[in-house]
Amino acid sequence: MVPTRNNKGVSHENGSIESPHGHIKRRIEQALIIRGNNNFDTIELYQSWLDTVVVSHNRRNAKEFEFERGHLQKLPMYKTTEASPILTYTNKRFRYNFENESCST
């Protein structure tokens, strides 16, 4: 397995990251529909209800997660090397600055 970085704002690169987020959002929506309303008396009651939904959702992945956890290595003591910002020209009149993600003409 080779680690990679996703480019900010490039949606087709995020599939494996964004997909689970969408799954839990839909599960919460469905749980609210089953509940009958989305009104909670307090934030604490909402958080408790939400925790129950999320725990239920995560329970089905717990076995695989625990298996993978046993194979994880400790995090490095220091941050890894970051990429250097570059300025690239696509033609004479247009350039893209990757450091601050800006375009200019």
N, C-alpha and C. Protein backbone atom coordinates (compact mmCIF):
# COMPACT_ATOMS: atom_id res chain seq x y z
N MET A 1 0.86 -1.18 0.00
CA MET A 1 0.00 0.00 0.00
C MET A 1 0.90 1.24 0.00
N VAL A 2 0.57 2.19 -0.85
CA VAL A 2 1.35 3.42 -0.95
C VAL A 2 0.46 4.59 -0.54
N PRO A 3 0.89 5.38 0.47
CA PRO A 3 0.06 6.52 0.89
C PRO A 3 0.07 7.61 -0.17
N THR A 4 -1.05 8.31 -0.28
CA THR A 4 -1.16 9.42 -1.22
C THR A 4 -1.85 10.58 -0.53
N ARG A 5 -1.77 11.74 -1.14
CA ARG A 5 -2.46 12.92 -0.63
C ARG A 5 -3.51 13.33 -1.64
N ASN A 6 -4.64 13.75 -1.14
CA ASN A 6 -5.70 14.26 -2.02
C ASN A 6 -5.49 15.74 -2.23
N ASN A 7 -5.80 16.20 -3.41
CA ASN A 7 -5.72 17.62 -3.71
C ASN A 7 -7.03 18.29 -3.32
N LYS A 8 -6.94 19.35 -2.57
CA LYS A 8 -8.11 20.07 -2.11
C LYS A 8 -8.96 20.53 -3.28
N GLY A 9 -10.26 20.25 -3.20
CA GLY A 9 -11.19 20.70 -4.22
C GLY A 9 -11.31 19.79 -5.43
N VAL A 10 -10.58 18.67 -5.43
CA VAL A 10 -10.66 17.74 -6.56
C VAL A 10 -11.51 16.56 -6.09
N SER A 11 -12.80 16.63 -6.39
CA SER A 11 -13.75 15.70 -5.78
C SER A 11 -13.53 14.26 -6.19
N HIS A 12 -13.07 13.98 -7.38
CA HIS A 12 -12.93 12.59 -7.79
C HIS A 12 -11.82 11.87 -7.03
N GLU A 13 -10.97 12.59 -6.33
CA GLU A 13 -9.91 11.96 -5.55
C GLU A 13 -10.38 11.59 -4.14
N ASN A 14 -11.52 12.07 -3.72
CA ASN A 14 -11.98 11.89 -2.35
C ASN A 14 -12.93 10.73 -2.14
N GLY A 15 -13.21 9.94 -3.14
CA GLY A 15 -14.25 8.93 -3.04
C GLY A 15 -14.20 8.08 -1.79
N SER A 16 -13.03 7.53 -1.48
CA SER A 16 -12.94 6.63 -0.33
C SER A 16 -13.04 7.39 0.99
N ILE A 17 -12.84 8.69 0.97
CA ILE A 17 -12.94 9.49 2.19
C ILE A 17 -14.34 10.04 2.37
N GLU A 18 -14.89 10.59 1.30
CA GLU A 18 -16.20 11.23 1.38
C GLU A 18 -17.36 10.24 1.43
N SER A 19 -17.18 9.08 0.84
CA SER A 19 -18.26 8.10 0.79
C SER A 19 -18.75 7.70 2.19
N PRO A 20 -17.86 7.34 3.12
CA PRO A 20 -18.35 7.00 4.47
C PRO A 20 -19.06 8.17 5.15
N HIS A 21 -18.61 9.39 4.87
CA HIS A 21 -19.26 10.57 5.44
C HIS A 21 -20.70 10.64 4.95
N GLY A 22 -20.90 10.40 3.66
CA GLY A 22 -22.24 10.39 3.11
C GLY A 22 -23.10 9.28 3.70
N HIS A 23 -22.50 8.12 3.95
CA HIS A 23 -23.24 7.00 4.53
C HIS A 23 -23.77 7.35 5.91
N ILE A 24 -22.93 7.93 6.75
CA ILE A 24 -23.39 8.25 8.11
C ILE A 24 -24.43 9.37 8.09
N LYS A 25 -24.27 10.33 7.17
CA LYS A 25 -25.28 11.39 7.06
C LYS A 25 -26.64 10.81 6.68
N ARG A 26 -26.64 9.89 5.70
CA ARG A 26 -27.90 9.26 5.31
C ARG A 26 -28.48 8.41 6.45
N ARG A 27 -27.62 7.73 7.19
CA ARG A 27 -28.11 6.93 8.31
C ARG A 27 -28.75 7.83 9.37
N ILE A 28 -28.16 8.98 9.64
CA ILE A 28 -28.73 9.93 10.61
C ILE A 28 -30.07 10.45 10.09
N GLU A 29 -30.12 10.79 8.80
CA GLU A 29 -31.39 11.24 8.20
C GLU A 29 -32.48 10.19 8.37
N GLN A 30 -32.14 8.95 8.07
CA GLN A 30 -33.12 7.86 8.19
C GLN A 30 -33.56 7.67 9.64
N ALA A 31 -32.62 7.76 10.56
CA ALA A 31 -32.97 7.61 11.98
C ALA A 31 -33.90 8.73 12.44
N LEU A 32 -33.70 9.94 11.93
CA LEU A 32 -34.59 11.05 12.26
C LEU A 32 -35.99 10.80 11.70
N ILE A 33 -36.06 10.26 10.49
CA ILE A 33 -37.37 9.94 9.90
C ILE A 33 -38.08 8.89 10.74
N ILE A 34 -37.36 7.85 11.13
CA ILE A 34 -37.95 6.81 11.97
C ILE A 34 -38.39 7.38 13.31
N ARG A 35 -37.60 8.31 13.85
CA ARG A 35 -37.93 8.94 15.13
C ARG A 35 -39.21 9.76 15.02
N GLY A 36 -39.47 10.30 13.85
CA GLY A 36 -40.70 11.05 13.65
C GLY A 36 -40.55 12.56 13.64
N ASN A 37 -39.47 13.08 14.20
CA ASN A 37 -39.20 14.52 14.16
C ASN A 37 -37.73 14.76 14.48
N ASN A 38 -37.32 16.00 14.28
CA ASN A 38 -35.93 16.33 14.58
C ASN A 38 -35.83 17.38 15.69
N ASN A 39 -36.83 17.41 16.55
CA ASN A 39 -36.82 18.34 17.67
C ASN A 39 -36.32 17.63 18.93
N PHE A 40 -35.34 18.23 19.57
CA PHE A 40 -34.79 17.71 20.81
C PHE A 40 -34.89 18.81 21.86
N ASP A 41 -35.19 18.43 23.09
CA ASP A 41 -35.35 19.42 24.16
C ASP A 41 -34.04 20.10 24.52
N THR A 42 -32.94 19.35 24.46
CA THR A 42 -31.63 19.93 24.80
C THR A 42 -30.58 19.40 23.83
N ILE A 43 -29.47 20.09 23.80
CA ILE A 43 -28.34 19.64 22.98
C ILE A 43 -27.83 18.31 23.51
N GLU A 44 -27.85 18.14 24.82
CA GLU A 44 -27.37 16.90 25.42
C GLU A 44 -28.21 15.69 24.97
N LEU A 45 -29.54 15.88 24.89
CA LEU A 45 -30.40 14.79 24.41
C LEU A 45 -30.10 14.48 22.94
N TYR A 46 -29.89 15.52 22.14
CA TYR A 46 -29.54 15.29 20.74
C TYR A 46 -28.22 14.55 20.63
N GLN A 47 -27.21 14.97 21.40
CA GLN A 47 -25.89 14.34 21.34
C GLN A 47 -25.97 12.87 21.77
N SER A 48 -26.77 12.60 22.78
CA SER A 48 -26.95 11.22 23.25
C SER A 48 -27.60 10.37 22.16
N TRP A 49 -28.64 10.90 21.52
CA TRP A 49 -29.31 10.20 20.44
C TRP A 49 -28.35 9.96 19.28
N LEU A 50 -27.58 10.99 18.93
CA LEU A 50 -26.62 10.90 17.83
C LEU A 50 -25.55 9.86 18.14
N ASP A 51 -25.06 9.84 19.37
CA ASP A 51 -24.06 8.84 19.77
C ASP A 51 -24.59 7.43 19.57
N THR A 52 -25.86 7.22 19.90
CA THR A 52 -26.48 5.90 19.74
C THR A 52 -26.51 5.49 18.26
N VAL A 53 -26.87 6.44 17.39
CA VAL A 53 -26.92 6.15 15.95
C VAL A 53 -25.53 5.83 15.42
N VAL A 54 -24.53 6.61 15.81
CA VAL A 54 -23.17 6.42 15.32
C VAL A 54 -22.58 5.10 15.84
N VAL A 55 -22.79 4.80 17.11
CA VAL A 55 -22.28 3.54 17.67
C VAL A 55 -22.89 2.36 16.93
N SER A 56 -24.17 2.44 16.65
CA SER A 56 -24.84 1.38 15.90
C SER A 56 -24.22 1.23 14.52
N HIS A 57 -23.95 2.34 13.88
CA HIS A 57 -23.35 2.34 12.54
C HIS A 57 -21.94 1.75 12.59
N ASN A 58 -21.15 2.12 13.58
CA ASN A 58 -19.76 1.68 13.68
C ASN A 58 -19.64 0.23 14.12
N ARG A 59 -20.65 -0.28 14.79
CA ARG A 59 -20.59 -1.65 15.30
C ARG A 59 -20.32 -2.67 14.19
N ARG A 60 -20.91 -2.43 13.02
CA ARG A 60 -20.73 -3.39 11.94
C ARG A 60 -19.31 -3.40 11.37
N ASN A 61 -18.53 -2.35 11.61
CA ASN A 61 -17.15 -2.28 11.13
C ASN A 61 -16.13 -2.57 12.23
N ALA A 62 -16.59 -2.81 13.43
CA ALA A 62 -15.69 -2.95 14.58
C ALA A 62 -14.70 -4.10 14.42
N LYS A 63 -15.14 -5.22 13.91
CA LYS A 63 -14.27 -6.38 13.78
C LYS A 63 -13.10 -6.07 12.85
N GLU A 64 -13.38 -5.50 11.69
CA GLU A 64 -12.33 -5.15 10.74
C GLU A 64 -11.41 -4.06 11.31
N PHE A 65 -12.00 -3.10 12.01
CA PHE A 65 -11.21 -2.02 12.61
C PHE A 65 -10.23 -2.58 13.64
N GLU A 66 -10.69 -3.46 14.48
CA GLU A 66 -9.81 -4.05 15.51
C GLU A 66 -8.70 -4.87 14.86
N PHE A 67 -9.01 -5.57 13.77
CA PHE A 67 -7.99 -6.33 13.06
C PHE A 67 -6.91 -5.39 12.53
N GLU A 68 -7.32 -4.29 11.90
CA GLU A 68 -6.36 -3.33 11.36
C GLU A 68 -5.58 -2.62 12.46
N ARG A 69 -6.23 -2.33 13.57
CA ARG A 69 -5.58 -1.62 14.67
C ARG A 69 -4.34 -2.38 15.14
N GLY A 70 -4.42 -3.70 15.14
CA GLY A 70 -3.29 -4.52 15.56
C GLY A 70 -2.09 -4.43 14.64
N HIS A 71 -2.28 -3.93 13.42
CA HIS A 71 -1.20 -3.82 12.45
C HIS A 71 -0.66 -2.40 12.30
N LEU A 72 -1.25 -1.46 13.00
CA LEU A 72 -0.80 -0.07 12.89
C LEU A 72 0.55 0.13 13.57
N GLN A 73 1.33 1.02 13.02
CA GLN A 73 2.60 1.38 13.63
C GLN A 73 2.41 2.66 14.43
N LYS A 74 3.35 2.94 15.31
CA LYS A 74 3.28 4.19 16.06
C LYS A 74 3.49 5.35 15.10
N LEU A 75 2.87 6.48 15.42
CA LEU A 75 3.06 7.67 14.61
C LEU A 75 4.48 8.17 14.74
N PRO A 76 5.03 8.78 13.68
CA PRO A 76 6.39 9.30 13.77
C PRO A 76 6.45 10.44 14.79
N MET A 77 7.62 10.59 15.39
CA MET A 77 7.80 11.61 16.41
C MET A 77 7.71 13.02 15.80
N TYR A 78 8.15 13.15 14.55
CA TYR A 78 8.16 14.46 13.90
C TYR A 78 7.33 14.41 12.63
N LYS A 79 6.82 15.55 12.24
CA LYS A 79 6.00 15.67 11.03
C LYS A 79 6.84 15.33 9.80
N THR A 80 6.22 14.69 8.82
CA THR A 80 6.93 14.35 7.60
C THR A 80 7.14 15.59 6.74
N THR A 81 7.94 15.45 5.74
CA THR A 81 8.24 16.55 4.83
C THR A 81 7.00 16.93 4.04
N GLU A 82 6.74 18.21 3.99
CA GLU A 82 5.62 18.73 3.21
C GLU A 82 6.10 19.07 1.81
N ALA A 83 5.18 19.08 0.88
CA ALA A 83 5.50 19.45 -0.49
C ALA A 83 5.82 20.94 -0.56
N SER A 84 6.67 21.30 -1.47
CA SER A 84 7.02 22.71 -1.67
C SER A 84 6.00 23.36 -2.58
N PRO A 85 5.63 24.61 -2.29
CA PRO A 85 4.68 25.30 -3.17
C PRO A 85 5.33 25.61 -4.52
N ILE A 86 4.54 25.52 -5.57
CA ILE A 86 5.06 25.83 -6.91
C ILE A 86 4.08 26.75 -7.62
N LEU A 87 4.61 27.49 -8.53
CA LEU A 87 3.83 28.37 -9.38
C LEU A 87 3.97 27.82 -10.79
N THR A 88 2.87 27.50 -11.42
CA THR A 88 2.94 26.91 -12.75
C THR A 88 2.15 27.75 -13.75
N TYR A 89 2.63 27.79 -14.95
CA TYR A 89 1.98 28.54 -16.03
C TYR A 89 1.34 27.54 -16.98
N THR A 90 0.09 27.75 -17.30
CA THR A 90 -0.56 26.88 -18.27
C THR A 90 -0.45 27.46 -19.68
N ASN A 91 -0.33 28.77 -19.75
CA ASN A 91 -0.03 29.45 -21.01
C ASN A 91 0.50 30.83 -20.65
N LYS A 92 0.73 31.68 -21.61
CA LYS A 92 1.32 32.98 -21.34
C LYS A 92 0.44 33.87 -20.48
N ARG A 93 -0.89 33.64 -20.50
CA ARG A 93 -1.79 34.56 -19.82
C ARG A 93 -2.43 33.98 -18.57
N PHE A 94 -2.16 32.74 -18.24
CA PHE A 94 -2.82 32.12 -17.09
C PHE A 94 -1.80 31.38 -16.24
N ARG A 95 -1.86 31.59 -14.93
CA ARG A 95 -0.97 30.84 -14.04
C ARG A 95 -1.73 30.40 -12.80
N TYR A 96 -1.26 29.34 -12.18
CA TYR A 96 -1.90 28.79 -10.99
C TYR A 96 -0.87 28.68 -9.89
N ASN A 97 -1.19 29.24 -8.71
CA ASN A 97 -0.30 29.19 -7.58
C ASN A 97 -0.80 28.12 -6.62
N PHE A 98 -0.07 27.02 -6.50
CA PHE A 98 -0.50 25.91 -5.66
C PHE A 98 -0.38 26.22 -4.18
N GLU A 99 0.44 27.18 -3.81
CA GLU A 99 0.61 27.51 -2.40
C GLU A 99 -0.66 28.09 -1.81
N ASN A 100 -1.26 29.04 -2.46
CA ASN A 100 -2.50 29.63 -1.91
C ASN A 100 -3.70 29.35 -2.80
N GLU A 101 -3.53 28.41 -3.72
CA GLU A 101 -4.62 27.95 -4.59
C GLU A 101 -5.32 29.11 -5.29
N SER A 102 -4.55 29.93 -5.95
CA SER A 102 -5.14 31.07 -6.65
C SER A 102 -4.74 31.05 -8.11
N CYS A 103 -5.60 31.63 -8.91
CA CYS A 103 -5.36 31.75 -10.35
C CYS A 103 -5.19 33.22 -10.68
N SER A 104 -4.41 33.49 -11.69
CA SER A 104 -4.29 34.87 -12.15
C SER A 104 -4.07 34.87 -13.66
N THR A 105 -4.41 35.98 -14.25
CA THR A 105 -4.22 36.10 -15.71
C THR A 105 -3.37 37.29 -16.01
